[in-house]
Amino acid sequence: MSRSAETPAERRRFLLHYCRVLLREAHARRHAPSFHASLLAWAGRARREAASIDTRPAQGDLFG
């Protein structure tokens, strides 16, 4: 599936999964401080992007 075919809910679900994977990797690689910090930053960015996605249906779709 291409990224353009993703629904907002699918994109949000993927980003939250990706965030969890990055946090797990950061925990496993905490002995490498610079890489650990990068993983935490990437996880934070994914979490913020997921939080910004509006998964509510458009108002027109409720009655159409």
C-alpha atoms as a PDB file:
ATOM      1  CA  MET A   1       0.000   0.000   0.000  1.00  0.00           C
ATOM      2  CA  SER A   2       1.382   3.388  -0.887  1.00  0.00           C
ATOM      3  CA  ARG A   3       1.452   6.157   1.681  1.00  0.00           C
ATOM      4  CA  SER A   4      -1.054   8.258  -0.258  1.00  0.00           C
ATOM      5  CA  ALA A   5      -3.639   5.460   0.067  1.00  0.00           C
ATOM      6  CA  GLU A   6      -3.408   5.427   3.867  1.00  0.00           C
ATOM      7  CA  THR A   7      -6.315   6.749   5.850  1.00  0.00           C
ATOM      8  CA  PRO A   8      -5.543   9.171   8.678  1.00  0.00           C
ATOM      9  CA  ALA A   9      -6.372   6.450  11.220  1.00  0.00           C
ATOM     10  CA  GLU A  10      -3.947   4.020   9.550  1.00  0.00           C
ATOM     11  CA  ARG A  11      -1.220   6.643   9.482  1.00  0.00           C
ATOM     12  CA  ARG A  12      -1.779   7.438  13.160  1.00  0.00           C
ATOM     13  CA  ARG A  13      -1.716   3.742  14.080  1.00  0.00           C
ATOM     14  CA  PHE A  14       1.541   3.259  12.144  1.00  0.00           C
ATOM     15  CA  LEU A  15       3.191   6.272  13.796  1.00  0.00           C
ATOM     16  CA  LEU A  16       2.262   5.084  17.285  1.00  0.00           C
ATOM     17  CA  HIS A  17       3.663   1.636  16.489  1.00  0.00           C
ATOM     18  CA  TYR A  18       6.835   3.211  15.087  1.00  0.00           C
ATOM     19  CA  CYS A  19       7.185   5.313  18.232  1.00  0.00           C
ATOM     20  CA  ARG A  20       6.977   2.195  20.419  1.00  0.00           C
ATOM     21  CA  VAL A  21       9.596   0.435  18.273  1.00  0.00           C
ATOM     22  CA  LEU A  22      11.946   3.419  18.540  1.00  0.00           C
ATOM     23  CA  LEU A  23      11.521   3.585  22.311  1.00  0.00           C
ATOM     24  CA  ARG A  24      12.248  -0.140  22.605  1.00  0.00           C
ATOM     25  CA  GLU A  25      15.401   0.299  20.493  1.00  0.00           C
ATOM     26  CA  ALA A  26      16.472   3.319  22.546  1.00  0.00           C
ATOM     27  CA  HIS A  27      16.122   1.272  25.710  1.00  0.00           C
ATOM     28  CA  ALA A  28      18.181  -1.551  24.196  1.00  0.00           C
ATOM     29  CA  ARG A  29      20.907   0.857  23.009  1.00  0.00           C
ATOM     30  CA  ARG A  30      21.123   3.156  26.009  1.00  0.00           C
ATOM     31  CA  HIS A  31      24.863   2.385  26.211  1.00  0.00           C
ATOM     32  CA  ALA A  32      25.408   4.491  23.044  1.00  0.00           C
ATOM     33  CA  PRO A  33      24.385   7.988  24.257  1.00  0.00           C
ATOM     34  CA  SER A  34      24.339   9.835  20.929  1.00  0.00           C
ATOM     35  CA  PHE A  35      22.341   7.128  19.138  1.00  0.00           C
ATOM     36  CA  HIS A  36      20.066   6.775  22.178  1.00  0.00           C
ATOM     37  CA  ALA A  37      19.290  10.506  22.038  1.00  0.00           C
ATOM     38  CA  SER A  38      18.544  10.300  18.304  1.00  0.00           C
ATOM     39  CA  LEU A  39      16.130   7.407  18.802  1.00  0.00           C
ATOM     40  CA  LEU A  40      14.336   9.298  21.562  1.00  0.00           C
ATOM     41  CA  ALA A  41      14.076  12.394  19.348  1.00  0.00           C
ATOM     42  CA  TRP A  42      12.674  10.366  16.449  1.00  0.00           C
ATOM     43  CA  ALA A  43      10.153   8.702  18.773  1.00  0.00           C
ATOM     44  CA  GLY A  44       9.053  12.102  20.045  1.00  0.00           C
ATOM     45  CA  ARG A  45       8.628  13.402  16.518  1.00  0.00           C
ATOM     46  CA  ALA A  46       6.519  10.364  15.545  1.00  0.00           C
ATOM     47  CA  ARG A  47       4.372  10.785  18.677  1.00  0.00           C
ATOM     48  CA  ARG A  48       3.799  14.486  17.973  1.00  0.00           C
ATOM     49  CA  GLU A  49       2.865  13.775  14.343  1.00  0.00           C
ATOM     50  CA  ALA A  50       0.442  11.033  15.449  1.00  0.00           C
ATOM     51  CA  ALA A  51      -1.153  13.381  17.973  1.00  0.00           C
ATOM     52  CA  SER A  52      -1.697  16.010  15.284  1.00  0.00           C
ATOM     53  CA  ILE A  53      -3.683  13.681  12.999  1.00  0.00           C
ATOM     54  CA  ASP A  54      -7.425  14.261  13.140  1.00  0.00           C
ATOM     55  CA  THR A  55      -9.217  10.927  12.676  1.00  0.00           C
ATOM     56  CA  ARG A  56     -12.750  12.308  12.967  1.00  0.00           C
ATOM     57  CA  PRO A  57     -14.843  11.999   9.798  1.00  0.00           C
ATOM     58  CA  ALA A  58     -15.482  15.127   7.813  1.00  0.00           C
ATOM     59  CA  GLN A  59     -18.784  16.782   8.704  1.00  0.00           C
ATOM     60  CA  GLY A  60     -20.179  16.245   5.199  1.00  0.00           C
ATOM     61  CA  ASP A  61     -19.654  12.480   5.472  1.00  0.00           C
ATOM     62  CA  LEU A  62     -21.965  12.196   8.468  1.00  0.00           C
ATOM     63  CA  PHE A  63     -25.090  12.941   6.464  1.00  0.00           C
ATOM     64  CA  GLY A  64     -24.065  12.147   2.921  1.00  0.00           C
END
